[in-house]
Protein backbone atom coordinates (compact mmCIF):
# COMPACT_ATOMS: atom_id res chain seq x y z
CA MET A 1 109.10 106.59 112.72
CA ARG A 2 109.77 106.67 116.46
CA PHE A 3 109.57 110.47 116.33
CA ILE A 4 106.01 110.37 115.00
CA PHE A 5 104.61 107.20 116.59
CA ASP A 6 105.34 105.35 119.81
CA LYS A 7 107.79 102.47 120.23
CA GLU A 8 105.02 99.89 119.89
CA ILE A 9 104.04 101.12 116.41
CA ALA A 10 107.66 101.52 115.30
CA ASP A 11 108.51 97.99 116.43
CA TYR A 12 105.38 96.59 114.78
CA ILE A 13 106.27 98.16 111.43
CA ASP A 14 109.93 97.21 111.73
CA LYS A 15 109.52 93.64 112.95
CA LYS A 16 106.26 92.61 111.28
CA ILE A 17 105.52 94.61 108.14
CA TRP A 18 109.09 95.35 107.05
CA ASN A 19 110.26 91.76 107.51
CA LEU A 20 107.29 90.38 105.57
CA ALA A 21 107.88 92.89 102.78
CA ILE A 22 111.59 92.03 102.56
CA ASP A 23 110.83 88.29 102.52
CA LEU A 24 108.32 88.84 99.73
CA GLU A 25 110.76 90.94 97.71
CA CYS A 26 113.53 88.33 98.08
CA LEU A 27 111.22 85.50 97.02
CA ASP A 28 110.05 87.52 94.05
CA SER A 29 113.58 88.33 92.89
CA VAL A 30 114.60 84.66 93.11
CA LEU A 31 111.50 83.54 91.22
CA VAL A 32 112.74 85.14 87.99
CA ASP A 33 115.45 82.49 87.59
CA VAL A 34 113.45 79.46 88.79
CA SER A 35 111.97 77.13 86.18
CA VAL A 36 108.61 75.44 86.50
CA GLY A 37 108.77 72.72 89.13
CA GLU A 38 108.68 72.02 92.84
CA GLU A 39 111.02 74.86 93.85
CA ARG A 40 108.97 77.41 91.90
CA SER A 41 105.72 76.08 93.36
CA LYS A 42 107.10 76.37 96.91
CA ASN A 43 108.23 79.92 96.20
CA VAL A 44 104.84 80.95 94.81
CA LYS A 45 103.05 79.30 97.74
CA ARG A 46 105.24 81.15 100.25
CA GLN A 47 104.64 84.43 98.43
CA SER A 48 100.92 83.79 98.63
CA GLU A 49 101.17 83.12 102.38
CA ILE A 50 103.08 86.37 102.93
CA LYS A 51 100.58 88.37 100.87
CA LYS A 52 97.74 86.91 102.93
CA GLN A 53 99.59 87.83 106.15
CA LEU A 54 100.08 91.38 104.91
CA HIS A 55 96.41 91.59 104.01
CA GLU A 56 95.45 90.48 107.54
CA GLU A 57 97.82 93.08 109.01
CA LEU A 58 96.21 95.74 106.83
CA LYS A 59 92.88 95.03 108.50
CA SER A 60 94.32 95.94 111.91
CA LEU A 61 96.21 99.07 110.84
CA GLU A 62 93.27 101.40 111.31
CA GLU A 63 92.97 100.36 114.94
CA LYS A 64 96.72 100.62 115.57
CA PHE A 65 97.04 104.09 114.03
CA ALA A 66 93.68 105.56 115.10
CA LYS A 67 95.04 107.46 118.08
CA TYR A 68 97.52 109.27 115.80
CA LEU A 69 95.13 110.05 112.98
CA GLN A 70 92.09 111.59 114.67
CA LEU A 71 90.72 114.91 113.50
CA GLN A 72 89.90 117.34 116.25
CA HIS A 73 87.61 120.30 115.82
């Protein structure tokens, strides 16, 4: 990624997006074996929070990547 984008973008994807995605994947894999109850509810709530964070990040991606994705005639 650093070869295509600058350090700021690479760090943003690595530290923000990647970490959120890994956290979400781990929570999801654990959820399979968790029965209905407080632990499951906490897991689902945390997954919801992460999905909302990722959605908010998605809103700002266009601005972050705009300088790399402009068409020139």
